[in-house]
Amino acid sequence: MADLRVFSLKQVSAHKSKDDCWFVIGGKVYNVTKFLQEHPGGEEVLVEASGRDATRDFEDVGHSPAAKGMLDNYLVGVLEGFKGVASVNKQSTTSSSKQDKPAFKDMPAFVIKEEKPSAFIRVLEFLLPLVIVSAAYVFKSAMKEPVLSS
């Protein structure tokens, strides 16, 4: 923890804009300004949570292990009174022409393939509304009072 600065919540609260976005998760302070445009949930979500302790917000979303692993790339310090273990994940900065972005880990993905409904279901989906409308018309017609001719 020697490499990490200690911040007060008041100091963190000064970083709550799109150009300077910090927040606290689990007692650790993160600067996610460079990640805003890449966040799958949109940058607004991060800006809204910035400048405060966003631990509950982060945990409620149910982030993947890969997303949680990415946090280390944005760690800048700890909150006053933090008692846990924290370390900075220093990426090698050898001469490369890559942008200053963290490497993304592969995440498993799956596609839910919707099966086509059976022929019976397709016919039923077509006929059932017609039957209901016809029944309503017949019921309405039967309830009318007969017109007496003079």
C-alpha atoms as a PDB file:
ATOM      1  CA  MET A   1       0.000   0.000   0.000  1.00  0.00           C
ATOM      2  CA  ALA A   2       3.063   2.245  -0.038  1.00  0.00           C
ATOM      3  CA  ASP A   3       2.372   3.313  -3.640  1.00  0.00           C
ATOM      4  CA  LEU A   4      -1.204   4.337  -2.945  1.00  0.00           C
ATOM      5  CA  ARG A   5      -2.351   7.718  -1.736  1.00  0.00           C
ATOM      6  CA  VAL A   6      -4.902   8.103   1.031  1.00  0.00           C
ATOM      7  CA  PHE A   7      -7.941  10.239   0.168  1.00  0.00           C
ATOM      8  CA  SER A   8     -10.758  11.624   2.246  1.00  0.00           C
ATOM      9  CA  LEU A   9     -14.311  11.311   0.949  1.00  0.00           C
ATOM     10  CA  LYS A  10     -14.310  15.092   0.595  1.00  0.00           C
ATOM     11  CA  GLN A  11     -11.328  14.881  -1.767  1.00  0.00           C
ATOM     12  CA  VAL A  12     -13.019  12.171  -3.813  1.00  0.00           C
ATOM     13  CA  SER A  13     -16.217  14.232  -4.012  1.00  0.00           C
ATOM     14  CA  ALA A  14     -14.319  16.908  -5.950  1.00  0.00           C
ATOM     15  CA  HIS A  15     -13.954  14.461  -8.864  1.00  0.00           C
ATOM     16  CA  LYS A  16     -17.512  14.051 -10.125  1.00  0.00           C
ATOM     17  CA  SER A  17     -17.621  15.194 -13.707  1.00  0.00           C
ATOM     18  CA  LYS A  18     -17.312  13.652 -17.144  1.00  0.00           C
ATOM     19  CA  ASP A  19     -13.783  15.053 -17.407  1.00  0.00           C
ATOM     20  CA  ASP A  20     -12.684  13.876 -13.946  1.00  0.00           C
ATOM     21  CA  CYS A  21     -14.595  10.849 -12.654  1.00  0.00           C
ATOM     22  CA  TRP A  22     -13.563   9.159  -9.400  1.00  0.00           C
ATOM     23  CA  PHE A  23     -15.423   6.984  -6.932  1.00  0.00           C
ATOM     24  CA  VAL A  24     -14.901   4.603  -4.039  1.00  0.00           C
ATOM     25  CA  ILE A  25     -15.629   0.888  -4.176  1.00  0.00           C
ATOM     26  CA  GLY A  26     -14.883  -1.206  -1.107  1.00  0.00           C
ATOM     27  CA  GLY A  27     -12.663   1.465   0.438  1.00  0.00           C
ATOM     28  CA  LYS A  28     -10.510   1.814  -2.676  1.00  0.00           C
ATOM     29  CA  VAL A  29     -10.471   4.984  -4.789  1.00  0.00           C
ATOM     30  CA  TYR A  30     -10.701   4.624  -8.570  1.00  0.00           C
ATOM     31  CA  ASN A  31     -10.217   7.165 -11.360  1.00  0.00           C
ATOM     32  CA  VAL A  32     -12.337   5.834 -14.235  1.00  0.00           C
ATOM     33  CA  THR A  33     -12.217   8.922 -16.443  1.00  0.00           C
ATOM     34  CA  LYS A  34     -10.448   7.045 -19.264  1.00  0.00           C
ATOM     35  CA  PHE A  35     -13.000   4.215 -19.099  1.00  0.00           C
ATOM     36  CA  LEU A  36     -16.165   6.323 -19.411  1.00  0.00           C
ATOM     37  CA  GLN A  37     -16.652   5.898 -23.153  1.00  0.00           C
ATOM     38  CA  GLU A  38     -15.948   2.162 -23.007  1.00  0.00           C
ATOM     39  CA  HIS A  39     -18.335   1.340 -20.152  1.00  0.00           C
ATOM     40  CA  PRO A  40     -21.021  -1.042 -21.467  1.00  0.00           C
ATOM     41  CA  GLY A  41     -23.705   0.605 -19.316  1.00  0.00           C
ATOM     42  CA  GLY A  42     -22.911   4.069 -20.666  1.00  0.00           C
ATOM     43  CA  GLU A  43     -20.839   6.860 -19.216  1.00  0.00           C
ATOM     44  CA  GLU A  44     -23.840   8.471 -17.497  1.00  0.00           C
ATOM     45  CA  VAL A  45     -24.004   5.612 -14.996  1.00  0.00           C
ATOM     46  CA  LEU A  46     -20.412   6.167 -13.916  1.00  0.00           C
ATOM     47  CA  VAL A  47     -20.694   9.958 -13.785  1.00  0.00           C
ATOM     48  CA  GLU A  48     -23.828   9.649 -11.652  1.00  0.00           C
ATOM     49  CA  ALA A  49     -21.969   7.427  -9.171  1.00  0.00           C
ATOM     50  CA  SER A  50     -18.827   9.573  -9.141  1.00  0.00           C
ATOM     51  CA  GLY A  51     -17.549  11.592  -6.224  1.00  0.00           C
ATOM     52  CA  ARG A  52     -18.907   9.196  -3.598  1.00  0.00           C
ATOM     53  CA  ASP A  53     -18.852   5.656  -2.265  1.00  0.00           C
ATOM     54  CA  ALA A  54     -20.340   3.590  -5.088  1.00  0.00           C
ATOM     55  CA  THR A  55     -19.784   0.178  -3.498  1.00  0.00           C
ATOM     56  CA  ARG A  56     -23.483  -0.677  -3.228  1.00  0.00           C
ATOM     57  CA  ASP A  57     -24.190   0.497  -6.802  1.00  0.00           C
ATOM     58  CA  PHE A  58     -21.307  -1.598  -8.147  1.00  0.00           C
ATOM     59  CA  GLU A  59     -22.281  -4.723  -6.230  1.00  0.00           C
ATOM     60  CA  ASP A  60     -26.016  -4.409  -7.015  1.00  0.00           C
ATOM     61  CA  VAL A  61     -25.333  -4.542 -10.752  1.00  0.00           C
ATOM     62  CA  GLY A  62     -23.618  -7.911 -10.436  1.00  0.00           C
ATOM     63  CA  HIS A  63     -20.482  -7.267 -12.465  1.00  0.00           C
ATOM     64  CA  SER A  64     -18.591 -10.178 -13.985  1.00  0.00           C
ATOM     65  CA  PRO A  65     -15.252 -11.335 -12.570  1.00  0.00           C
ATOM     66  CA  ALA A  66     -13.576  -9.806 -15.633  1.00  0.00           C
ATOM     67  CA  ALA A  67     -15.160  -6.424 -14.880  1.00  0.00           C
ATOM     68  CA  LYS A  68     -14.071  -6.643 -11.255  1.00  0.00           C
ATOM     69  CA  GLY A  69     -10.562  -7.512 -12.418  1.00  0.00           C
ATOM     70  CA  MET A  70     -10.453  -4.388 -14.555  1.00  0.00           C
ATOM     71  CA  LEU A  71     -10.853  -2.192 -11.475  1.00  0.00           C
ATOM     72  CA  ASP A  72      -7.182  -2.596 -10.577  1.00  0.00           C
ATOM     73  CA  ASN A  73      -6.252  -0.705 -13.738  1.00  0.00           C
ATOM     74  CA  TYR A  74      -7.958   2.416 -12.372  1.00  0.00           C
ATOM     75  CA  LEU A  75      -6.913   2.226  -8.700  1.00  0.00           C
ATOM     76  CA  VAL A  76      -5.394   5.513  -7.496  1.00  0.00           C
ATOM     77  CA  GLY A  77      -5.594   5.177  -3.724  1.00  0.00           C
ATOM     78  CA  VAL A  78      -7.602   4.207  -0.691  1.00  0.00           C
ATOM     79  CA  LEU A  79     -10.140   5.948   1.476  1.00  0.00           C
ATOM     80  CA  GLU A  80      -9.140   7.215   4.904  1.00  0.00           C
ATOM     81  CA  GLY A  81      -9.491   4.411   7.442  1.00  0.00           C
ATOM     82  CA  PHE A  82      -9.238   1.636   4.836  1.00  0.00           C
ATOM     83  CA  LYS A  83      -7.965  -1.544   6.548  1.00  0.00           C
ATOM     84  CA  GLY A  84      -7.919  -4.005   3.639  1.00  0.00           C
ATOM     85  CA  VAL A  85      -5.194  -4.984   1.205  1.00  0.00           C
ATOM     86  CA  ALA A  86      -4.698  -2.878  -1.881  1.00  0.00           C
ATOM     87  CA  SER A  87      -1.978  -2.777  -4.491  1.00  0.00           C
ATOM     88  CA  VAL A  88      -1.477  -1.007  -7.770  1.00  0.00           C
ATOM     89  CA  ASN A  89      -1.443  -3.197 -10.864  1.00  0.00           C
ATOM     90  CA  LYS A  90       1.411  -1.602 -12.789  1.00  0.00           C
ATOM     91  CA  GLN A  91       1.311  -2.469 -16.463  1.00  0.00           C
ATOM     92  CA  SER A  92       4.599  -2.561 -18.280  1.00  0.00           C
ATOM     93  CA  THR A  93       5.214   0.655 -20.150  1.00  0.00           C
ATOM     94  CA  THR A  94       7.749  -0.527 -22.682  1.00  0.00           C
ATOM     95  CA  SER A  95       7.966   1.464 -25.860  1.00  0.00           C
ATOM     96  CA  SER A  96       4.707   0.666 -27.572  1.00  0.00           C
ATOM     97  CA  SER A  97       2.457   2.809 -29.678  1.00  0.00           C
ATOM     98  CA  LYS A  98      -0.739   1.555 -28.056  1.00  0.00           C
ATOM     99  CA  GLN A  99      -3.162   4.016 -26.522  1.00  0.00           C
ATOM    100  CA  ASP A 100      -3.216   4.410 -22.749  1.00  0.00           C
ATOM    101  CA  LYS A 101      -6.012   1.880 -22.237  1.00  0.00           C
ATOM    102  CA  PRO A 102      -6.110  -1.270 -20.147  1.00  0.00           C
ATOM    103  CA  ALA A 103      -6.089  -4.619 -21.872  1.00  0.00           C
ATOM    104  CA  PHE A 104      -9.449  -6.332 -21.851  1.00  0.00           C
ATOM    105  CA  LYS A 105      -9.790  -9.893 -20.713  1.00  0.00           C
ATOM    106  CA  ASP A 106     -11.712 -12.406 -22.766  1.00  0.00           C
ATOM    107  CA  MET A 107     -15.187 -12.872 -21.427  1.00  0.00           C
ATOM    108  CA  PRO A 108     -17.371 -15.851 -22.262  1.00  0.00           C
ATOM    109  CA  ALA A 109     -20.475 -14.975 -24.240  1.00  0.00           C
ATOM    110  CA  PHE A 110     -23.500 -16.901 -25.350  1.00  0.00           C
ATOM    111  CA  VAL A 111     -26.395 -16.282 -27.686  1.00  0.00           C
ATOM    112  CA  ILE A 112     -29.931 -17.256 -26.839  1.00  0.00           C
ATOM    113  CA  LYS A 113     -31.422 -18.730 -29.954  1.00  0.00           C
ATOM    114  CA  GLU A 114     -35.158 -18.390 -30.135  1.00  0.00           C
ATOM    115  CA  GLU A 115     -36.889 -21.375 -31.610  1.00  0.00           C
ATOM    116  CA  LYS A 116     -39.645 -20.783 -34.120  1.00  0.00           C
ATOM    117  CA  PRO A 117     -43.085 -21.604 -32.748  1.00  0.00           C
ATOM    118  CA  SER A 118     -44.792 -24.708 -34.076  1.00  0.00           C
ATOM    119  CA  ALA A 119     -47.400 -24.474 -36.832  1.00  0.00           C
ATOM    120  CA  PHE A 120     -50.179 -25.073 -34.295  1.00  0.00           C
ATOM    121  CA  ILE A 121     -49.043 -22.115 -32.172  1.00  0.00           C
ATOM    122  CA  ARG A 122     -48.786 -19.823 -35.220  1.00  0.00           C
ATOM    123  CA  VAL A 123     -52.345 -20.748 -36.312  1.00  0.00           C
ATOM    124  CA  LEU A 124     -53.581 -20.297 -32.759  1.00  0.00           C
ATOM    125  CA  GLU A 125     -51.921 -16.861 -32.524  1.00  0.00           C
ATOM    126  CA  PHE A 126     -53.776 -15.877 -35.692  1.00  0.00           C
ATOM    127  CA  LEU A 127     -57.184 -17.413 -34.984  1.00  0.00           C
ATOM    128  CA  LEU A 128     -57.608 -16.730 -31.256  1.00  0.00           C
ATOM    129  CA  PRO A 129     -57.934 -12.925 -31.609  1.00  0.00           C
ATOM    130  CA  LEU A 130     -60.445 -13.443 -34.468  1.00  0.00           C
ATOM    131  CA  VAL A 131     -62.519 -15.814 -32.313  1.00  0.00           C
ATOM    132  CA  ILE A 132     -62.515 -13.330 -29.408  1.00  0.00           C
ATOM    133  CA  VAL A 133     -63.563 -10.391 -31.611  1.00  0.00           C
ATOM    134  CA  SER A 134     -66.288 -12.499 -33.271  1.00  0.00           C
ATOM    135  CA  ALA A 135     -67.604 -13.644 -29.893  1.00  0.00           C
ATOM    136  CA  ALA A 136     -67.721 -10.055 -28.657  1.00  0.00           C
ATOM    137  CA  TYR A 137     -69.635  -8.980 -31.793  1.00  0.00           C
ATOM    138  CA  VAL A 138     -72.153 -11.806 -31.425  1.00  0.00           C
ATOM    139  CA  PHE A 139     -72.622 -11.037 -27.717  1.00  0.00           C
ATOM    140  CA  LYS A 140     -73.142  -7.324 -28.417  1.00  0.00           C
ATOM    141  CA  SER A 141     -75.630  -8.111 -31.195  1.00  0.00           C
ATOM    142  CA  ALA A 142     -77.578 -10.496 -28.964  1.00  0.00           C
ATOM    143  CA  MET A 143     -77.831  -7.907 -26.187  1.00  0.00           C
ATOM    144  CA  LYS A 144     -79.404  -5.243 -28.398  1.00  0.00           C
ATOM    145  CA  GLU A 145     -83.101  -4.688 -27.882  1.00  0.00           C
ATOM    146  CA  PRO A 146     -85.141  -5.728 -30.866  1.00  0.00           C
ATOM    147  CA  VAL A 147     -86.458  -2.855 -32.946  1.00  0.00           C
ATOM    148  CA  LEU A 148     -90.234  -2.903 -33.234  1.00  0.00           C
ATOM    149  CA  SER A 149     -91.630  -1.981 -36.588  1.00  0.00           C
ATOM    150  CA  SER A 150     -94.800  -0.013 -36.734  1.00  0.00           C
END
